[in-house]
Amino acid sequence: IGLVATIAFGGTVYADFEATRGSYQPAVTLADAPAADPSLDEQEA
């Protein structure tokens, strides 16, 4: 039990670290669209 729990905890910590490693990536915003579509509301856009 101790061995499996240790590997499980260590694996989770390592996976979390790998997920946050690397350069910051911003979220998508309306400014990322090349041109506005007047038929769409803000959420659809």
All heavy atoms as atom14 arrays in JSON, in Angstrom:
{
  "sequence": "IGLVATIAFGGTVYADFEATRGSYQPAVTLADAPAADPSLDEQEA",
  "atom14_mask": [
    [1, 1, 1, 1, 1, 1, 1, 1, 0, 0, 0, 0, 0, 0],
    [1, 1, 1, 1, 0, 0, 0, 0, 0, 0, 0, 0, 0, 0],
    [1, 1, 1, 1, 1, 1, 1, 1, 0, 0, 0, 0, 0, 0],
    [1, 1, 1, 1, 1, 1, 1, 0, 0, 0, 0, 0, 0, 0],
    [1, 1, 1, 1, 1, 0, 0, 0, 0, 0, 0, 0, 0, 0],
    [1, 1, 1, 1, 1, 1, 1, 0, 0, 0, 0, 0, 0, 0],
    [1, 1, 1, 1, 1, 1, 1, 1, 0, 0, 0, 0, 0, 0],
    [1, 1, 1, 1, 1, 0, 0, 0, 0, 0, 0, 0, 0, 0],
    [1, 1, 1, 1, 1, 1, 1, 1, 1, 1, 1, 0, 0, 0],
    [1, 1, 1, 1, 0, 0, 0, 0, 0, 0, 0, 0, 0, 0],
    [1, 1, 1, 1, 0, 0, 0, 0, 0, 0, 0, 0, 0, 0],
    [1, 1, 1, 1, 1, 1, 1, 0, 0, 0, 0, 0, 0, 0],
    [1, 1, 1, 1, 1, 1, 1, 0, 0, 0, 0, 0, 0, 0],
    [1, 1, 1, 1, 1, 1, 1, 1, 1, 1, 1, 1, 0, 0],
    [1, 1, 1, 1, 1, 0, 0, 0, 0, 0, 0, 0, 0, 0],
    [1, 1, 1, 1, 1, 1, 1, 1, 0, 0, 0, 0, 0, 0],
    [1, 1, 1, 1, 1, 1, 1, 1, 1, 1, 1, 0, 0, 0],
    [1, 1, 1, 1, 1, 1, 1, 1, 1, 0, 0, 0, 0, 0],
    [1, 1, 1, 1, 1, 0, 0, 0, 0, 0, 0, 0, 0, 0],
    [1, 1, 1, 1, 1, 1, 1, 0, 0, 0, 0, 0, 0, 0],
    [1, 1, 1, 1, 1, 1, 1, 1, 1, 1, 1, 0, 0, 0],
    [1, 1, 1, 1, 0, 0, 0, 0, 0, 0, 0, 0, 0, 0],
    [1, 1, 1, 1, 1, 1, 0, 0, 0, 0, 0, 0, 0, 0],
    [1, 1, 1, 1, 1, 1, 1, 1, 1, 1, 1, 1, 0, 0],
    [1, 1, 1, 1, 1, 1, 1, 1, 1, 0, 0, 0, 0, 0],
    [1, 1, 1, 1, 1, 1, 1, 0, 0, 0, 0, 0, 0, 0],
    [1, 1, 1, 1, 1, 0, 0, 0, 0, 0, 0, 0, 0, 0],
    [1, 1, 1, 1, 1, 1, 1, 0, 0, 0, 0, 0, 0, 0],
    [1, 1, 1, 1, 1, 1, 1, 0, 0, 0, 0, 0, 0, 0],
    [1, 1, 1, 1, 1, 1, 1, 1, 0, 0, 0, 0, 0, 0],
    [1, 1, 1, 1, 1, 0, 0, 0, 0, 0, 0, 0, 0, 0],
    [1, 1, 1, 1, 1, 1, 1, 1, 0, 0, 0, 0, 0, 0],
    [1, 1, 1, 1, 1, 0, 0, 0, 0, 0, 0, 0, 0, 0],
    [1, 1, 1, 1, 1, 1, 1, 0, 0, 0, 0, 0, 0, 0],
    [1, 1, 1, 1, 1, 0, 0, 0, 0, 0, 0, 0, 0, 0],
    [1, 1, 1, 1, 1, 0, 0, 0, 0, 0, 0, 0, 0, 0],
    [1, 1, 1, 1, 1, 1, 1, 1, 0, 0, 0, 0, 0, 0],
    [1, 1, 1, 1, 1, 1, 1, 0, 0, 0, 0, 0, 0, 0],
    [1, 1, 1, 1, 1, 1, 0, 0, 0, 0, 0, 0, 0, 0],
    [1, 1, 1, 1, 1, 1, 1, 1, 0, 0, 0, 0, 0, 0],
    [1, 1, 1, 1, 1, 1, 1, 1, 0, 0, 0, 0, 0, 0],
    [1, 1, 1, 1, 1, 1, 1, 1, 1, 0, 0, 0, 0, 0],
    [1, 1, 1, 1, 1, 1, 1, 1, 1, 0, 0, 0, 0, 0],
    [1, 1, 1, 1, 1, 1, 1, 1, 1, 0, 0, 0, 0, 0],
    [1, 1, 1, 1, 1, 0, 0, 0, 0, 0, 0, 0, 0, 0]
  ],
  "atom14_positions": [
    [[0.84, -1.2, 0.0], [0.0, 0.0, 0.0], [0.87, 1.25, 0.0], [0.62, 2.21, -0.74], [-0.95, 0.0, 1.2], [-1.94, -1.17, 1.1], [-1.71, 1.32, 1.3], [-2.83, -1.34, 2.32], [0.0, 0.0, 0.0], [0.0, 0.0, 0.0], [0.0, 0.0, 0.0], [0.0, 0.0, 0.0], [0.0, 0.0, 0.0], [0.0, 0.0, 0.0]],
    [[1.92, 1.25, 0.85], [2.79, 2.41, 0.92], [3.51, 2.68, -0.38], [3.64, 3.85, -0.81], [0.0, 0.0, 0.0], [0.0, 0.0, 0.0], [0.0, 0.0, 0.0], [0.0, 0.0, 0.0], [0.0, 0.0, 0.0], [0.0, 0.0, 0.0], [0.0, 0.0, 0.0], [0.0, 0.0, 0.0], [0.0, 0.0, 0.0], [0.0, 0.0, 0.0]],
    [[3.98, 1.63, -1.04], [4.7, 1.79, -2.3], [3.78, 2.34, -3.39], [4.14, 3.29, -4.11], [5.3, 0.45, -2.74], [6.11, 0.47, -4.04], [7.31, 1.38, -3.9], [6.56, -0.96, -4.4], [0.0, 0.0, 0.0], [0.0, 0.0, 0.0], [0.0, 0.0, 0.0], [0.0, 0.0, 0.0], [0.0, 0.0, 0.0], [0.0, 0.0, 0.0]],
    [[2.59, 1.76, -3.52], [1.66, 2.23, -4.54], [1.22, 3.67, -4.26], [1.15, 4.51, -5.17], [0.43, 1.3, -4.63], [-0.64, 1.88, -5.56], [0.84, -0.09, -5.13], [0.0, 0.0, 0.0], [0.0, 0.0, 0.0], [0.0, 0.0, 0.0], [0.0, 0.0, 0.0], [0.0, 0.0, 0.0], [0.0, 0.0, 0.0], [0.0, 0.0, 0.0]],
    [[0.94, 3.97, -2.99], [0.51, 5.33, -2.64], [1.61, 6.34, -2.94], [1.34, 7.45, -3.43], [0.13, 5.39, -1.16], [0.0, 0.0, 0.0], [0.0, 0.0, 0.0], [0.0, 0.0, 0.0], [0.0, 0.0, 0.0], [0.0, 0.0, 0.0], [0.0, 0.0, 0.0], [0.0, 0.0, 0.0], [0.0, 0.0, 0.0], [0.0, 0.0, 0.0]],
    [[2.86, 5.97, -2.67], [3.98, 6.88, -2.93], [4.14, 7.14, -4.43], [4.3, 8.29, -4.86], [5.28, 6.29, -2.36], [5.14, 6.11, -0.95], [6.46, 7.21, -2.64], [0.0, 0.0, 0.0], [0.0, 0.0, 0.0], [0.0, 0.0, 0.0], [0.0, 0.0, 0.0], [0.0, 0.0, 0.0], [0.0, 0.0, 0.0], [0.0, 0.0, 0.0]],
    [[4.08, 6.08, -5.22], [4.2, 6.24, -6.67], [3.02, 7.02, -7.22], [3.17, 7.88, -8.11], [4.31, 4.86, -7.34], [5.63, 4.2, -6.95], [4.2, 4.97, -8.85], [5.78, 2.77, -7.43], [0.0, 0.0, 0.0], [0.0, 0.0, 0.0], [0.0, 0.0, 0.0], [0.0, 0.0, 0.0], [0.0, 0.0, 0.0], [0.0, 0.0, 0.0]],
    [[1.82, 6.76, -6.69], [0.62, 7.47, -7.16], [0.72, 8.96, -6.85], [0.44, 9.82, -7.71], [-0.63, 6.88, -6.51], [0.0, 0.0, 0.0], [0.0, 0.0, 0.0], [0.0, 0.0, 0.0], [0.0, 0.0, 0.0], [0.0, 0.0, 0.0], [0.0, 0.0, 0.0], [0.0, 0.0, 0.0], [0.0, 0.0, 0.0], [0.0, 0.0, 0.0]],
    [[1.14, 9.29, -5.62], [1.27, 10.7, -5.25], [2.36, 11.37, -6.07], [2.17, 12.47, -6.6], [1.59, 10.81, -3.76], [1.83, 12.23, -3.3], [0.77, 13.11, -3.14], [3.12, 12.68, -3.04], [0.98, 14.42, -2.73], [3.35, 13.98, -2.63], [2.28, 14.86, -2.48], [0.0, 0.0, 0.0], [0.0, 0.0, 0.0], [0.0, 0.0, 0.0]],
    [[3.51, 10.7, -6.18], [4.6, 11.27, -6.97], [4.22, 11.45, -8.43], [4.57, 12.46, -9.06], [0.0, 0.0, 0.0], [0.0, 0.0, 0.0], [0.0, 0.0, 0.0], [0.0, 0.0, 0.0], [0.0, 0.0, 0.0], [0.0, 0.0, 0.0], [0.0, 0.0, 0.0], [0.0, 0.0, 0.0], [0.0, 0.0, 0.0], [0.0, 0.0, 0.0]],
    [[3.49, 10.47, -8.98], [3.06, 10.58, -10.38], [2.11, 11.74, -10.6], [2.2, 12.45, -11.62], [0.0, 0.0, 0.0], [0.0, 0.0, 0.0], [0.0, 0.0, 0.0], [0.0, 0.0, 0.0], [0.0, 0.0, 0.0], [0.0, 0.0, 0.0], [0.0, 0.0, 0.0], [0.0, 0.0, 0.0], [0.0, 0.0, 0.0], [0.0, 0.0, 0.0]],
    [[1.21, 11.96, -9.64], [0.26, 13.08, -9.76], [0.99, 14.42, -9.7], [0.71, 15.33, -10.49], [-0.78, 13.01, -8.63], [-1.45, 11.74, -8.69], [-1.8, 14.11, -8.76], [0.0, 0.0, 0.0], [0.0, 0.0, 0.0], [0.0, 0.0, 0.0], [0.0, 0.0, 0.0], [0.0, 0.0, 0.0], [0.0, 0.0, 0.0], [0.0, 0.0, 0.0]],
    [[1.93, 14.54, -8.77], [2.7, 15.78, -8.65], [3.49, 16.05, -9.92], [3.53, 17.17, -10.44], [3.64, 15.72, -7.43], [4.59, 16.92, -7.41], [2.84, 15.67, -6.14], [0.0, 0.0, 0.0], [0.0, 0.0, 0.0], [0.0, 0.0, 0.0], [0.0, 0.0, 0.0], [0.0, 0.0, 0.0], [0.0, 0.0, 0.0], [0.0, 0.0, 0.0]],
    [[4.11, 15.0, -10.45], [4.91, 15.16, -11.67], [4.03, 15.55, -12.86], [4.39, 16.42, -13.65], [5.66, 13.86, -11.98], [6.47, 13.93, -13.25], [7.7, 14.57, -13.27], [6.0, 13.35, -14.44], [8.45, 14.64, -14.45], [6.74, 13.41, -15.61], [7.96, 14.06, -15.6], [8.69, 14.14, -16.76], [0.0, 0.0, 0.0], [0.0, 0.0, 0.0]],
    [[2.86, 14.92, -12.98], [1.95, 15.24, -14.08], [1.48, 16.69, -13.99], [1.38, 17.39, -15.0], [0.76, 14.29, -14.08], [0.0, 0.0, 0.0], [0.0, 0.0, 0.0], [0.0, 0.0, 0.0], [0.0, 0.0, 0.0], [0.0, 0.0, 0.0], [0.0, 0.0, 0.0], [0.0, 0.0, 0.0], [0.0, 0.0, 0.0], [0.0, 0.0, 0.0]],
    [[1.18, 17.14, -12.76], [0.77, 18.53, -12.58], [1.9, 19.48, -12.97], [1.66, 20.53, -13.59], [0.38, 18.78, -11.12], [-0.91, 18.06, -10.75], [-1.57, 17.53, -11.67], [-1.24, 18.03, -9.55], [0.0, 0.0, 0.0], [0.0, 0.0, 0.0], [0.0, 0.0, 0.0], [0.0, 0.0, 0.0], [0.0, 0.0, 0.0], [0.0, 0.0, 0.0]],
    [[3.11, 19.13, -12.6], [4.26, 19.97, -12.94], [4.44, 20.06, -14.45], [4.67, 21.14, -15.01], [5.52, 19.41, -12.29], [6.79, 20.05, -12.76], [7.14, 21.32, -12.34], [7.64, 19.38, -13.65], [8.32, 21.92, -12.79], [8.8, 19.96, -14.09], [9.15, 21.24, -13.66], [0.0, 0.0, 0.0], [0.0, 0.0, 0.0], [0.0, 0.0, 0.0]],
    [[4.33, 18.93, -15.12], [4.48, 18.91, -16.57], [3.39, 19.73, -17.26], [3.62, 20.37, -18.29], [4.43, 17.47, -17.1], [5.7, 16.69, -16.83], [6.88, 17.23, -17.62], [6.76, 17.35, -18.86], [7.9, 17.56, -17.0], [0.0, 0.0, 0.0], [0.0, 0.0, 0.0], [0.0, 0.0, 0.0], [0.0, 0.0, 0.0], [0.0, 0.0, 0.0]],
    [[2.18, 19.72, -16.67], [1.07, 20.45, -17.29], [1.28, 21.96, -17.24], [0.78, 22.69, -18.1], [-0.24, 20.1, -16.59], [0.0, 0.0, 0.0], [0.0, 0.0, 0.0], [0.0, 0.0, 0.0], [0.0, 0.0, 0.0], [0.0, 0.0, 0.0], [0.0, 0.0, 0.0], [0.0, 0.0, 0.0], [0.0, 0.0, 0.0], [0.0, 0.0, 0.0]],
    [[1.98, 22.44, -16.22], [2.17, 23.89, -16.07], [3.53, 24.35, -16.57], [3.8, 25.56, -16.57], [2.04, 24.27, -14.58], [2.97, 23.51, -13.8], [0.62, 23.97, -14.08], [0.0, 0.0, 0.0], [0.0, 0.0, 0.0], [0.0, 0.0, 0.0], [0.0, 0.0, 0.0], [0.0, 0.0, 0.0], [0.0, 0.0, 0.0], [0.0, 0.0, 0.0]],
    [[4.37, 23.42, -17.0], [5.7, 23.81, -17.47], [5.61, 24.39, -18.87], [4.78, 23.97, -19.68], [6.63, 22.59, -17.46], [8.08, 22.95, -17.67], [8.96, 21.74, -17.48], [8.77, 20.75, -18.53], [9.55, 19.7, -18.71], [10.56, 19.52, -17.89], [9.31, 18.84, -19.66], [0.0, 0.0, 0.0], [0.0, 0.0, 0.0], [0.0, 0.0, 0.0]],
    [[6.45, 25.31, -19.19], [6.46, 25.9, -20.53], [6.04, 27.36, -20.49], [5.66, 27.9, -19.45], [0.0, 0.0, 0.0], [0.0, 0.0, 0.0], [0.0, 0.0, 0.0], [0.0, 0.0, 0.0], [0.0, 0.0, 0.0], [0.0, 0.0, 0.0], [0.0, 0.0, 0.0], [0.0, 0.0, 0.0], [0.0, 0.0, 0.0], [0.0, 0.0, 0.0]],
    [[6.06, 27.97, -21.64], [5.74, 29.39, -21.73], [4.25, 29.63, -21.55], [3.43, 28.76, -21.83], [6.2, 29.95, -23.08], [5.56, 29.26, -24.14], [0.0, 0.0, 0.0], [0.0, 0.0, 0.0], [0.0, 0.0, 0.0], [0.0, 0.0, 0.0], [0.0, 0.0, 0.0], [0.0, 0.0, 0.0], [0.0, 0.0, 0.0], [0.0, 0.0, 0.0]],
    [[3.91, 30.81, -21.11], [2.51, 31.19, -20.88], [1.77, 31.3, -22.21], [2.26, 31.89, -23.17], [2.46, 32.52, -20.14], [1.05, 33.01, -19.9], [0.3, 32.54, -18.83], [0.46, 33.94, -20.76], [-0.99, 32.98, -18.6], [-0.84, 34.38, -20.55], [-1.56, 33.9, -19.47], [-2.85, 34.33, -19.26], [0.0, 0.0, 0.0], [0.0, 0.0, 0.0]],
    [[0.57, 30.68, -22.27], [-0.26, 30.75, -23.47], [-1.56, 31.46, -23.13], [-2.3, 31.01, -22.24], [-0.56, 29.33, -24.0], [0.67, 28.53, -24.36], [1.46, 29.14, -25.5], [0.91, 29.87, -26.33], [2.75, 28.85, -25.54], [0.0, 0.0, 0.0], [0.0, 0.0, 0.0], [0.0, 0.0, 0.0], [0.0, 0.0, 0.0], [0.0, 0.0, 0.0]],
    [[-1.85, 32.58, -23.78], [-3.07, 33.34, -23.46], [-4.33, 32.64, -23.96], [-4.27, 31.78, -24.85], [-2.85, 34.67, -24.18], [-1.98, 34.3, -25.35], [-1.07, 33.21, -24.85], [0.0, 0.0, 0.0], [0.0, 0.0, 0.0], [0.0, 0.0, 0.0], [0.0, 0.0, 0.0], [0.0, 0.0, 0.0], [0.0, 0.0, 0.0], [0.0, 0.0, 0.0]],
    [[-5.45, 33.04, -23.39], [-6.74, 32.51, -23.84], [-7.14, 33.18, -25.15], [-6.65, 34.26, -25.51], [-7.79, 32.76, -22.78], [0.0, 0.0, 0.0], [0.0, 0.0, 0.0], [0.0, 0.0, 0.0], [0.0, 0.0, 0.0], [0.0, 0.0, 0.0], [0.0, 0.0, 0.0], [0.0, 0.0, 0.0], [0.0, 0.0, 0.0], [0.0, 0.0, 0.0]],
    [[-8.04, 32.54, -25.87], [-8.58, 33.1, -27.11], [-9.53, 34.24, -26.76], [-10.34, 34.13, -25.83], [-9.32, 32.02, -27.92], [-9.94, 32.62, -29.18], [-8.37, 30.87, -28.28], [0.0, 0.0, 0.0], [0.0, 0.0, 0.0], [0.0, 0.0, 0.0], [0.0, 0.0, 0.0], [0.0, 0.0, 0.0], [0.0, 0.0, 0.0], [0.0, 0.0, 0.0]],
    [[-9.44, 35.34, -27.49], [-10.34, 36.48, -27.29], [-10.94, 36.89, -28.63], [-10.53, 36.4, -29.68], [-9.59, 37.68, -26.68], [-8.62, 38.15, -27.64], [-8.89, 37.29, -25.38], [0.0, 0.0, 0.0], [0.0, 0.0, 0.0], [0.0, 0.0, 0.0], [0.0, 0.0, 0.0], [0.0, 0.0, 0.0], [0.0, 0.0, 0.0], [0.0, 0.0, 0.0]],
    [[-11.9, 37.81, -28.58], [-12.51, 38.3, -29.82], [-11.49, 38.97, -30.72], [-11.64, 38.99, -31.95], [-13.64, 39.28, -29.49], [-14.88, 38.68, -28.82], [-15.88, 39.77, -28.47], [-15.52, 37.64, -29.73], [0.0, 0.0, 0.0], [0.0, 0.0, 0.0], [0.0, 0.0, 0.0], [0.0, 0.0, 0.0], [0.0, 0.0, 0.0], [0.0, 0.0, 0.0]],
    [[-10.43, 39.5, -30.15], [-9.4, 40.16, -30.94], [-8.64, 39.18, -31.83], [-7.98, 39.6, -32.8], [-8.42, 40.88, -30.01], [0.0, 0.0, 0.0], [0.0, 0.0, 0.0], [0.0, 0.0, 0.0], [0.0, 0.0, 0.0], [0.0, 0.0, 0.0], [0.0, 0.0, 0.0], [0.0, 0.0, 0.0], [0.0, 0.0, 0.0], [0.0, 0.0, 0.0]],
    [[-8.75, 37.87, -31.51], [-8.04, 36.88, -32.32], [-8.76, 36.56, -33.62], [-8.18, 35.92, -34.51], [-7.86, 35.58, -31.51], [-6.98, 35.79, -30.3], [-5.91, 36.41, -30.45], [-7.36, 35.35, -29.19], [0.0, 0.0, 0.0], [0.0, 0.0, 0.0], [0.0, 0.0, 0.0], [0.0, 0.0, 0.0], [0.0, 0.0, 0.0], [0.0, 0.0, 0.0]],
    [[-10.03, 36.97, -33.74], [-10.76, 36.73, -34.98], [-10.32, 37.75, -36.04], [-10.16, 38.93, -35.74], [-12.25, 36.84, -34.74], [0.0, 0.0, 0.0], [0.0, 0.0, 0.0], [0.0, 0.0, 0.0], [0.0, 0.0, 0.0], [0.0, 0.0, 0.0], [0.0, 0.0, 0.0], [0.0, 0.0, 0.0], [0.0, 0.0, 0.0], [0.0, 0.0, 0.0]],
    [[-10.11, 37.31, -37.28], [-9.61, 38.23, -38.3], [-10.58, 39.36, -38.65], [-10.17, 40.45, -39.01], [-9.37, 37.32, -39.51], [-10.25, 36.13, -39.27], [-10.29, 35.95, -37.79], [0.0, 0.0, 0.0], [0.0, 0.0, 0.0], [0.0, 0.0, 0.0], [0.0, 0.0, 0.0], [0.0, 0.0, 0.0], [0.0, 0.0, 0.0], [0.0, 0.0, 0.0]],
    [[-11.88, 39.11, -38.55], [-12.86, 40.15, -38.89], [-14.15, 39.86, -38.16], [-14.51, 38.7, -37.94], [-13.09, 40.21, -40.39], [0.0, 0.0, 0.0], [0.0, 0.0, 0.0], [0.0, 0.0, 0.0], [0.0, 0.0, 0.0], [0.0, 0.0, 0.0], [0.0, 0.0, 0.0], [0.0, 0.0, 0.0], [0.0, 0.0, 0.0], [0.0, 0.0, 0.0]],
    [[-14.87, 40.9, -37.78], [-16.12, 40.72, -37.06], [-17.22, 40.25, -38.0], [-17.22, 40.55, -39.18], [-16.53, 42.02, -36.39], [0.0, 0.0, 0.0], [0.0, 0.0, 0.0], [0.0, 0.0, 0.0], [0.0, 0.0, 0.0], [0.0, 0.0, 0.0], [0.0, 0.0, 0.0], [0.0, 0.0, 0.0], [0.0, 0.0, 0.0], [0.0, 0.0, 0.0]],
    [[-18.16, 39.48, -37.44], [-19.33, 39.03, -38.19], [-20.55, 39.64, -37.52], [-20.91, 39.25, -36.4], [-19.41, 37.5, -38.19], [-20.56, 36.97, -39.03], [-21.49, 37.75, -39.32], [-20.54, 35.78, -39.39], [0.0, 0.0, 0.0], [0.0, 0.0, 0.0], [0.0, 0.0, 0.0], [0.0, 0.0, 0.0], [0.0, 0.0, 0.0], [0.0, 0.0, 0.0]],
    [[-21.2, 40.63, -38.14], [-22.3, 41.35, -37.49], [-23.51, 40.47, -37.17], [-24.36, 40.86, -36.38], [-22.66, 42.44, -38.51], [-22.15, 41.92, -39.81], [-20.93, 41.13, -39.49], [0.0, 0.0, 0.0], [0.0, 0.0, 0.0], [0.0, 0.0, 0.0], [0.0, 0.0, 0.0], [0.0, 0.0, 0.0], [0.0, 0.0, 0.0], [0.0, 0.0, 0.0]],
    [[-23.59, 39.28, -37.79], [-24.75, 38.42, -37.52], [-24.61, 37.64, -36.21], [-25.56, 37.0, -35.78], [-24.93, 37.42, -38.67], [-23.84, 36.5, -38.73], [0.0, 0.0, 0.0], [0.0, 0.0, 0.0], [0.0, 0.0, 0.0], [0.0, 0.0, 0.0], [0.0, 0.0, 0.0], [0.0, 0.0, 0.0], [0.0, 0.0, 0.0], [0.0, 0.0, 0.0]],
    [[-23.44, 37.71, -35.6], [-23.19, 36.94, -34.37], [-23.18, 37.85, -33.16], [-22.69, 38.99, -33.22], [-21.83, 36.24, -34.47], [-21.6, 35.3, -35.67], [-20.19, 34.74, -35.63], [-22.62, 34.18, -35.7], [0.0, 0.0, 0.0], [0.0, 0.0, 0.0], [0.0, 0.0, 0.0], [0.0, 0.0, 0.0], [0.0, 0.0, 0.0], [0.0, 0.0, 0.0]],
    [[-23.72, 37.37, -32.04], [-23.57, 38.13, -30.8], [-22.18, 37.87, -30.23], [-21.38, 37.12, -30.8], [-24.68, 37.79, -29.8], [-24.62, 36.37, -29.27], [-23.53, 35.76, -29.26], [-25.67, 35.84, -28.86], [0.0, 0.0, 0.0], [0.0, 0.0, 0.0], [0.0, 0.0, 0.0], [0.0, 0.0, 0.0], [0.0, 0.0, 0.0], [0.0, 0.0, 0.0]],
    [[-21.89, 38.46, -29.1], [-20.52, 38.41, -28.57], [-20.07, 36.99, -28.25], [-18.94, 36.61, -28.53], [-20.43, 39.3, -27.32], [-19.02, 39.45, -26.79], [-18.94, 40.48, -25.68], [-19.35, 41.63, -25.91], [-18.46, 40.12, -24.58], [0.0, 0.0, 0.0], [0.0, 0.0, 0.0], [0.0, 0.0, 0.0], [0.0, 0.0, 0.0], [0.0, 0.0, 0.0]],
    [[-20.97, 36.18, -27.64], [-20.59, 34.81, -27.29], [-20.43, 33.95, -28.53], [-19.51, 33.14, -28.62], [-21.64, 34.2, -26.35], [-21.24, 32.87, -25.74], [-20.05, 32.98, -24.8], [-19.84, 34.0, -24.16], [-19.27, 31.92, -24.73], [0.0, 0.0, 0.0], [0.0, 0.0, 0.0], [0.0, 0.0, 0.0], [0.0, 0.0, 0.0], [0.0, 0.0, 0.0]],
    [[-21.3, 34.12, -29.52], [-21.15, 33.38, -30.77], [-19.87, 33.77, -31.49], [-19.18, 32.92, -32.08], [-22.35, 33.66, -31.68], [-23.66, 33.02, -31.22], [-24.82, 33.47, -32.07], [-25.0, 34.69, -32.25], [-25.56, 32.58, -32.56], [0.0, 0.0, 0.0], [0.0, 0.0, 0.0], [0.0, 0.0, 0.0], [0.0, 0.0, 0.0], [0.0, 0.0, 0.0]],
    [[-19.52, 35.06, -31.42], [-18.28, 35.52, -32.03], [-17.06, 34.9, -31.36], [-16.06, 34.58, -32.01], [-18.2, 37.04, -31.96], [0.0, 0.0, 0.0], [0.0, 0.0, 0.0], [0.0, 0.0, 0.0], [0.0, 0.0, 0.0], [0.0, 0.0, 0.0], [0.0, 0.0, 0.0], [0.0, 0.0, 0.0], [0.0, 0.0, 0.0], [0.0, 0.0, 0.0]]
  ]
}
